[in-house]
Amino acid sequence: MIRFQQNARPRTDTPSHLFAIGQTVRMKSRTGLLNKTAELFEIKSRLPVKDGSPQYRIRSEQETHERVTTEDNLELADNPAA
């Protein structure tokens, strides 16, 4: 027999965000696509988890719009000045 605990709290083991607001990141290169190593983005805000991966709102100085992407598509920019 299965017993349910009364007043049980829902599980909150969602992944935490790896990057902080203001950090400089770049999009990970993907096989078969051009490597955009020069395109750097700044983390503008943290968004909720989607499909098990935290999301971020990011912006490049070369673009007039912001993007939304998941953490698994980003990597820390080693040298933001490059």
N, C-alpha and C. Protein backbone atom coordinates (compact mmCIF):
# COMPACT_ATOMS: atom_id res chain seq x y z
N MET A 1 0.84 -1.18 0.00
CA MET A 1 0.00 0.00 0.00
C MET A 1 0.89 1.25 0.00
N ILE A 2 0.52 2.23 -0.78
CA ILE A 2 1.27 3.49 -0.84
C ILE A 2 0.62 4.48 0.12
N ARG A 3 1.46 5.09 0.92
CA ARG A 3 0.94 6.10 1.86
C ARG A 3 1.48 7.46 1.44
N PHE A 4 0.63 8.45 1.49
CA PHE A 4 1.02 9.81 1.14
C PHE A 4 1.17 10.62 2.41
N GLN A 5 2.25 11.37 2.46
CA GLN A 5 2.50 12.20 3.62
C GLN A 5 1.62 13.45 3.53
N GLN A 6 0.92 13.74 4.60
CA GLN A 6 0.09 14.94 4.62
C GLN A 6 0.97 16.17 4.75
N ASN A 7 0.55 17.25 4.13
CA ASN A 7 1.28 18.52 4.16
C ASN A 7 2.68 18.40 3.58
N ALA A 8 2.87 17.50 2.65
CA ALA A 8 4.18 17.33 2.02
C ALA A 8 4.46 18.52 1.11
N ARG A 9 5.69 18.97 1.10
CA ARG A 9 6.09 20.07 0.24
C ARG A 9 6.47 19.52 -1.14
N PRO A 10 6.19 20.29 -2.18
CA PRO A 10 6.60 19.83 -3.52
C PRO A 10 8.12 19.85 -3.64
N ARG A 11 8.63 19.00 -4.50
CA ARG A 11 10.08 18.94 -4.71
C ARG A 11 10.56 20.23 -5.36
N THR A 12 11.68 20.73 -4.89
CA THR A 12 12.22 21.98 -5.42
C THR A 12 13.66 21.78 -5.87
N ASP A 13 13.95 20.62 -6.45
CA ASP A 13 15.32 20.33 -6.87
C ASP A 13 15.55 20.76 -8.32
N THR A 14 15.06 21.95 -8.66
CA THR A 14 15.28 22.48 -10.00
C THR A 14 16.71 23.00 -10.09
N PRO A 15 17.30 22.94 -11.26
CA PRO A 15 18.68 23.39 -11.42
C PRO A 15 18.82 24.87 -11.10
N SER A 16 19.95 25.24 -10.50
CA SER A 16 20.20 26.64 -10.21
C SER A 16 20.94 27.28 -11.38
N HIS A 17 20.86 28.58 -11.48
CA HIS A 17 21.50 29.31 -12.56
C HIS A 17 23.01 29.36 -12.34
N LEU A 18 23.76 29.09 -13.40
CA LEU A 18 25.22 29.08 -13.35
C LEU A 18 25.79 30.49 -13.53
N PHE A 19 25.15 31.30 -14.36
CA PHE A 19 25.67 32.63 -14.68
C PHE A 19 24.93 33.71 -13.89
N ALA A 20 25.65 34.79 -13.59
CA ALA A 20 25.08 35.91 -12.85
C ALA A 20 24.73 37.04 -13.80
N ILE A 21 23.82 37.89 -13.39
CA ILE A 21 23.46 39.06 -14.18
C ILE A 21 24.70 39.93 -14.32
N GLY A 22 24.97 40.39 -15.55
CA GLY A 22 26.14 41.22 -15.82
C GLY A 22 27.34 40.45 -16.34
N GLN A 23 27.34 39.13 -16.23
CA GLN A 23 28.46 38.33 -16.74
C GLN A 23 28.46 38.32 -18.26
N THR A 24 29.66 38.16 -18.84
CA THR A 24 29.81 38.08 -20.28
C THR A 24 29.93 36.62 -20.70
N VAL A 25 29.10 36.24 -21.66
CA VAL A 25 29.06 34.86 -22.14
C VAL A 25 29.08 34.87 -23.66
N ARG A 26 29.26 33.70 -24.25
CA ARG A 26 29.13 33.55 -25.70
C ARG A 26 28.30 32.30 -25.95
N MET A 27 27.73 32.24 -27.15
CA MET A 27 26.95 31.08 -27.54
C MET A 27 27.93 29.94 -27.84
N LYS A 28 27.60 28.74 -27.42
CA LYS A 28 28.44 27.59 -27.73
C LYS A 28 28.39 27.32 -29.22
N SER A 29 29.53 26.93 -29.77
CA SER A 29 29.56 26.58 -31.19
C SER A 29 28.88 25.23 -31.38
N ARG A 30 28.23 25.09 -32.52
CA ARG A 30 27.55 23.83 -32.84
C ARG A 30 28.14 23.26 -34.10
N THR A 31 28.16 21.97 -34.20
CA THR A 31 28.73 21.29 -35.36
C THR A 31 28.00 21.73 -36.63
N GLY A 32 28.80 22.12 -37.63
CA GLY A 32 28.23 22.49 -38.91
C GLY A 32 27.84 23.95 -39.03
N LEU A 33 27.93 24.69 -37.96
CA LEU A 33 27.59 26.11 -37.99
C LEU A 33 28.85 26.94 -37.76
N LEU A 34 28.81 28.16 -38.24
CA LEU A 34 29.94 29.06 -38.02
C LEU A 34 30.17 29.30 -36.54
N ASN A 35 31.40 29.36 -36.14
CA ASN A 35 31.74 29.64 -34.76
C ASN A 35 31.78 31.15 -34.56
N LYS A 36 30.85 31.68 -33.81
CA LYS A 36 30.76 33.12 -33.59
C LYS A 36 31.51 33.49 -32.31
N THR A 37 32.82 33.27 -32.29
CA THR A 37 33.59 33.53 -31.09
C THR A 37 33.68 35.01 -30.76
N ALA A 38 33.52 35.87 -31.77
CA ALA A 38 33.63 37.31 -31.53
C ALA A 38 32.36 37.87 -30.93
N GLU A 39 31.24 37.17 -31.05
CA GLU A 39 29.97 37.70 -30.56
C GLU A 39 29.80 37.40 -29.08
N LEU A 40 29.89 38.44 -28.29
CA LEU A 40 29.76 38.32 -26.84
C LEU A 40 28.41 38.86 -26.41
N PHE A 41 27.88 38.29 -25.36
CA PHE A 41 26.58 38.68 -24.83
C PHE A 41 26.71 38.96 -23.34
N GLU A 42 25.89 39.86 -22.85
CA GLU A 42 25.83 40.14 -21.42
C GLU A 42 24.53 39.55 -20.88
N ILE A 43 24.62 38.90 -19.72
CA ILE A 43 23.43 38.36 -19.07
C ILE A 43 22.63 39.54 -18.53
N LYS A 44 21.40 39.70 -19.01
CA LYS A 44 20.55 40.81 -18.57
C LYS A 44 19.61 40.40 -17.45
N SER A 45 19.11 39.15 -17.49
CA SER A 45 18.24 38.67 -16.42
C SER A 45 18.18 37.16 -16.45
N ARG A 46 17.80 36.60 -15.31
CA ARG A 46 17.59 35.16 -15.19
C ARG A 46 16.11 34.88 -15.36
N LEU A 47 15.81 33.81 -16.06
CA LEU A 47 14.42 33.42 -16.31
C LEU A 47 14.19 32.02 -15.74
N PRO A 48 12.95 31.58 -15.66
CA PRO A 48 12.66 30.25 -15.12
C PRO A 48 13.27 29.12 -15.95
N VAL A 49 13.33 27.96 -15.33
CA VAL A 49 13.87 26.75 -15.97
C VAL A 49 12.91 26.29 -17.06
N LYS A 50 13.48 25.89 -18.21
CA LYS A 50 12.69 25.33 -19.31
C LYS A 50 13.33 24.02 -19.73
N ASP A 51 12.59 22.96 -19.74
CA ASP A 51 13.08 21.63 -20.11
C ASP A 51 14.33 21.24 -19.33
N GLY A 52 14.37 21.58 -18.05
CA GLY A 52 15.47 21.19 -17.18
C GLY A 52 16.70 22.07 -17.26
N SER A 53 16.64 23.16 -18.03
CA SER A 53 17.79 24.05 -18.16
C SER A 53 17.38 25.49 -17.83
N PRO A 54 18.11 26.16 -16.93
CA PRO A 54 17.79 27.56 -16.63
C PRO A 54 17.88 28.42 -17.88
N GLN A 55 17.04 29.44 -17.95
CA GLN A 55 17.02 30.34 -19.10
C GLN A 55 17.58 31.71 -18.70
N TYR A 56 18.05 32.44 -19.73
CA TYR A 56 18.59 33.78 -19.53
C TYR A 56 18.11 34.70 -20.64
N ARG A 57 18.01 35.98 -20.31
CA ARG A 57 17.81 37.02 -21.31
C ARG A 57 19.19 37.63 -21.52
N ILE A 58 19.69 37.62 -22.77
CA ILE A 58 21.04 38.10 -23.07
C ILE A 58 20.98 39.17 -24.14
N ARG A 59 22.04 39.99 -24.19
CA ARG A 59 22.10 41.06 -25.19
C ARG A 59 23.53 41.28 -25.64
N SER A 60 23.67 41.50 -26.94
CA SER A 60 24.95 41.82 -27.55
C SER A 60 24.97 43.31 -27.85
N GLU A 61 26.14 43.93 -27.73
CA GLU A 61 26.25 45.35 -28.06
C GLU A 61 26.04 45.60 -29.54
N GLN A 62 26.27 44.59 -30.39
CA GLN A 62 26.11 44.75 -31.84
C GLN A 62 24.66 44.64 -32.30
N GLU A 63 23.76 44.23 -31.42
CA GLU A 63 22.36 44.02 -31.80
C GLU A 63 21.45 44.99 -31.06
N THR A 64 20.31 45.26 -31.65
CA THR A 64 19.35 46.18 -31.03
C THR A 64 18.26 45.44 -30.25
N HIS A 65 18.35 44.14 -30.18
CA HIS A 65 17.34 43.35 -29.49
C HIS A 65 17.99 42.42 -28.47
N GLU A 66 17.17 41.87 -27.59
CA GLU A 66 17.64 40.87 -26.62
C GLU A 66 17.21 39.49 -27.09
N ARG A 67 17.93 38.49 -26.62
CA ARG A 67 17.60 37.10 -26.94
C ARG A 67 17.28 36.35 -25.64
N VAL A 68 16.54 35.27 -25.78
CA VAL A 68 16.31 34.36 -24.67
C VAL A 68 16.88 33.01 -25.06
N THR A 69 17.70 32.43 -24.17
CA THR A 69 18.30 31.14 -24.46
C THR A 69 18.45 30.36 -23.16
N THR A 70 18.66 29.06 -23.30
CA THR A 70 18.87 28.21 -22.14
C THR A 70 20.36 28.11 -21.81
N GLU A 71 20.64 27.77 -20.57
CA GLU A 71 22.01 27.72 -20.08
C GLU A 71 22.88 26.75 -20.87
N ASP A 72 22.30 25.67 -21.37
CA ASP A 72 23.10 24.69 -22.10
C ASP A 72 23.60 25.21 -23.45
N ASN A 73 23.13 26.37 -23.89
CA ASN A 73 23.61 26.99 -25.12
C ASN A 73 24.69 28.04 -24.87
N LEU A 74 25.04 28.28 -23.61
CA LEU A 74 25.98 29.35 -23.27
C LEU A 74 27.25 28.81 -22.64
N GLU A 75 28.33 29.58 -22.81
CA GLU A 75 29.57 29.30 -22.10
C GLU A 75 30.16 30.63 -21.65
N LEU A 76 30.91 30.59 -20.57
CA LEU A 76 31.54 31.79 -20.04
C LEU A 76 32.59 32.29 -21.02
N ALA A 77 32.60 33.57 -21.29
CA ALA A 77 33.61 34.17 -22.16
C ALA A 77 34.89 34.31 -21.36
N ASP A 78 35.96 33.63 -21.81
CA ASP A 78 37.22 33.65 -21.08
C ASP A 78 37.82 35.03 -20.99
N ASN A 79 37.79 35.76 -22.12
CA ASN A 79 38.40 37.07 -22.17
C ASN A 79 37.40 38.04 -22.81
N PRO A 80 36.58 38.73 -22.02
CA PRO A 80 35.55 39.61 -22.56
C PRO A 80 36.10 40.71 -23.47
N ALA A 81 37.35 41.10 -23.32
CA ALA A 81 37.91 42.17 -24.13
C ALA A 81 38.29 41.70 -25.54
N ALA A 82 38.38 40.39 -25.73
CA ALA A 82 38.81 39.84 -27.03
C ALA A 82 37.74 39.94 -28.07
